[in-house]
Amino acid sequence: MKKTFSIISIFSLLIFSNLTINSCGSREDTVSCFPNNPINVSLNLNLPAYYALNNINGWIYVNEQQSGTRGLIIVRTASGFKVYDRNAPHICPDNNTTLEVKDNIAIICPQDNTRWILSTGQPEAGAKTSLPPKTYPYSYDVPSKTLNVYY
């Protein structure tokens, strides 16, 4: 019994240590003033408002309830979807920091013209930041064409 208890204790300690180390990394994925709101959106891609997401490189803005403080940008990629927060990841929210899609290929911050590639979120040449837009996890049910975004 003692041996089992000590093995479980050591195993639990290792898991807890690993979680603590990985959750407190030195690089953050956004600035410290980035709003942290719950995201819970369900989209039926059979509806006309979401038809663009049935094609690779198709994108939409989502401004529904529980889609963050400024909404989401969702783009269909060759391997699935990318779901971006519309708050600029590199500067504190202001009147002119809502990310926008430009020319169907880039995401741009109107305040300082920082640009990211729409399909990948990678900074473009000359970008003032190496932070990509904040992304959210999703699940996609192919038979019903239902996209669920959550955080």
Protein backbone atom coordinates (compact mmCIF):
# COMPACT_ATOMS: atom_id res chain seq x y z
CA MET A 1 0.00 0.00 0.00
CA LYS A 2 2.84 2.42 0.89
CA LYS A 3 4.65 1.67 -2.37
CA THR A 4 1.49 2.31 -4.43
CA PHE A 5 0.81 5.54 -2.56
CA SER A 6 4.35 6.83 -3.10
CA ILE A 7 4.29 5.96 -6.82
CA ILE A 8 0.96 7.77 -7.23
CA SER A 9 2.29 10.74 -5.25
CA ILE A 10 5.43 11.02 -7.39
CA PHE A 11 3.43 10.61 -10.59
CA SER A 12 0.98 13.33 -9.49
CA LEU A 13 3.84 15.65 -8.56
CA LEU A 14 5.46 15.18 -11.98
CA ILE A 15 2.22 15.92 -13.80
CA PHE A 16 1.55 19.01 -11.69
CA SER A 17 5.12 20.26 -12.20
CA ASN A 18 4.89 19.77 -15.96
CA LEU A 19 1.58 21.65 -16.15
CA THR A 20 2.95 24.50 -14.06
CA ILE A 21 6.12 24.85 -16.14
CA ASN A 22 4.26 24.74 -19.46
CA SER A 23 1.55 27.17 -18.39
CA CYS A 24 4.01 29.81 -17.17
CA GLY A 25 6.21 30.16 -20.22
CA SER A 26 8.14 33.36 -20.76
CA ARG A 27 6.46 34.25 -24.08
CA GLU A 28 2.82 35.24 -23.99
CA ASP A 29 0.60 34.94 -27.05
CA THR A 30 -0.88 38.45 -26.59
CA VAL A 31 -0.19 41.69 -24.75
CA SER A 32 -1.11 41.71 -21.06
CA CYS A 33 -4.14 43.98 -21.62
CA PHE A 34 -5.75 41.61 -24.15
CA PRO A 35 -9.40 40.97 -23.15
CA ASN A 36 -10.14 37.41 -22.10
CA ASN A 37 -13.80 36.70 -22.88
CA PRO A 38 -15.49 33.33 -23.25
CA ILE A 39 -16.07 32.20 -26.83
CA ASN A 40 -18.97 29.88 -27.65
CA VAL A 41 -20.23 30.08 -31.23
CA SER A 42 -22.03 27.47 -33.33
CA LEU A 43 -22.36 28.03 -37.10
CA ASN A 44 -24.40 25.98 -39.54
CA LEU A 45 -22.44 26.26 -42.81
CA ASN A 46 -25.58 25.32 -44.76
CA LEU A 47 -26.96 28.80 -44.04
CA PRO A 48 -26.34 31.51 -46.69
CA ALA A 49 -24.52 33.81 -44.22
CA TYR A 50 -21.78 31.18 -43.84
CA TYR A 51 -21.49 29.84 -47.44
CA ALA A 52 -18.03 31.41 -47.83
CA LEU A 53 -16.69 28.90 -45.29
CA ASN A 54 -17.53 26.00 -47.62
CA ASN A 55 -14.64 27.01 -49.91
CA ILE A 56 -10.90 27.06 -49.20
CA ASN A 57 -9.76 30.63 -48.48
CA GLY A 58 -13.36 31.71 -47.85
CA TRP A 59 -13.72 33.87 -44.73
CA ILE A 60 -16.31 35.69 -42.65
CA TYR A 61 -16.57 38.03 -39.69
CA VAL A 62 -18.57 36.67 -36.76
CA ASN A 63 -20.11 39.24 -34.43
CA GLU A 64 -22.61 37.08 -32.57
CA GLN A 65 -23.17 36.88 -28.85
CA GLN A 66 -20.26 35.12 -27.09
CA SER A 67 -17.83 35.80 -29.95
CA GLY A 68 -15.40 37.87 -27.90
CA THR A 69 -15.23 41.62 -27.41
CA ARG A 70 -14.83 42.53 -31.09
CA GLY A 71 -15.86 39.36 -32.87
CA LEU A 72 -13.97 36.72 -34.80
CA ILE A 73 -12.48 36.19 -38.24
CA ILE A 74 -12.99 32.64 -39.47
CA VAL A 75 -11.22 31.39 -42.60
CA ARG A 76 -11.42 28.01 -44.33
CA THR A 77 -7.97 26.53 -44.98
CA ALA A 78 -6.88 23.44 -46.88
CA SER A 79 -6.59 21.55 -43.58
CA GLY A 80 -9.65 22.90 -41.75
CA PHE A 81 -10.32 26.35 -40.29
CA LYS A 82 -8.50 29.21 -38.58
CA VAL A 83 -10.43 31.20 -36.00
CA TYR A 84 -8.87 34.56 -35.09
CA ASP A 85 -9.86 37.08 -32.45
CA ARG A 86 -10.41 40.55 -33.96
CA ASN A 87 -8.48 42.27 -31.13
CA ALA A 88 -4.94 43.15 -32.19
CA PRO A 89 -2.60 40.81 -30.25
CA HIS A 90 0.30 43.28 -30.04
CA ILE A 91 -1.31 46.49 -28.71
CA CYS A 92 -3.92 47.27 -26.07
CA PRO A 93 -7.48 47.59 -27.39
CA ASP A 94 -8.35 51.06 -28.63
CA ASN A 95 -10.80 52.65 -31.07
CA ASN A 96 -8.72 51.66 -34.09
CA THR A 97 -7.31 48.22 -33.19
CA THR A 98 -10.01 45.89 -34.54
CA LEU A 99 -8.40 43.53 -37.04
CA GLU A 100 -9.78 43.56 -40.59
CA VAL A 101 -9.36 41.36 -43.65
CA LYS A 102 -7.62 43.15 -46.52
CA ASP A 103 -7.82 42.01 -50.18
CA ASN A 104 -8.94 38.51 -49.09
CA ILE A 105 -5.32 37.58 -48.30
CA ALA A 106 -4.22 39.49 -45.21
CA ILE A 107 -5.35 40.53 -41.76
CA ILE A 108 -4.46 44.11 -40.94
CA CYS A 109 -4.42 46.28 -37.82
CA PRO A 110 -5.70 49.71 -38.90
CA GLN A 111 -3.82 51.51 -36.11
CA ASP A 112 -0.29 50.65 -37.26
CA ASN A 113 -0.82 48.64 -40.48
CA THR A 114 0.68 45.47 -39.04
CA ARG A 115 -0.26 42.60 -41.37
CA TRP A 116 -0.61 38.84 -41.06
CA ILE A 117 -1.28 36.19 -43.70
CA LEU A 118 -5.00 35.32 -43.54
CA SER A 119 -4.66 31.58 -44.10
CA THR A 120 -1.85 31.00 -41.57
CA GLY A 121 -1.73 33.96 -39.16
CA GLN A 122 1.99 34.41 -39.79
CA PRO A 123 3.35 37.98 -39.76
CA GLU A 124 4.11 39.39 -43.18
CA ALA A 125 7.40 41.04 -44.07
CA GLY A 126 7.79 44.34 -42.29
CA ALA A 127 5.36 43.44 -39.52
CA LYS A 128 6.06 45.28 -36.27
CA THR A 129 5.36 42.21 -34.19
CA SER A 130 6.07 38.53 -34.18
CA LEU A 131 2.82 37.80 -32.33
CA PRO A 132 0.21 36.12 -34.51
CA PRO A 133 -3.47 36.93 -34.03
CA LYS A 134 -4.98 34.98 -31.13
CA THR A 135 -6.63 31.78 -32.36
CA TYR A 136 -9.34 29.62 -30.82
CA PRO A 137 -10.03 25.89 -30.94
CA TYR A 138 -12.96 24.56 -32.90
CA SER A 139 -14.72 21.34 -33.80
CA TYR A 140 -16.35 20.63 -37.13
CA ASP A 141 -19.07 18.06 -37.74
CA VAL A 142 -18.85 17.20 -41.45
CA PRO A 143 -22.27 15.51 -41.90
CA SER A 144 -24.21 18.42 -40.41
CA LYS A 145 -21.70 21.09 -41.55
CA THR A 146 -21.67 22.56 -38.05
CA LEU A 147 -18.64 24.54 -36.88
CA ASN A 148 -18.32 25.06 -33.11
CA VAL A 149 -15.82 27.58 -31.76
CA TYR A 150 -15.08 27.62 -28.04
CA TYR A 151 -12.66 28.96 -25.46
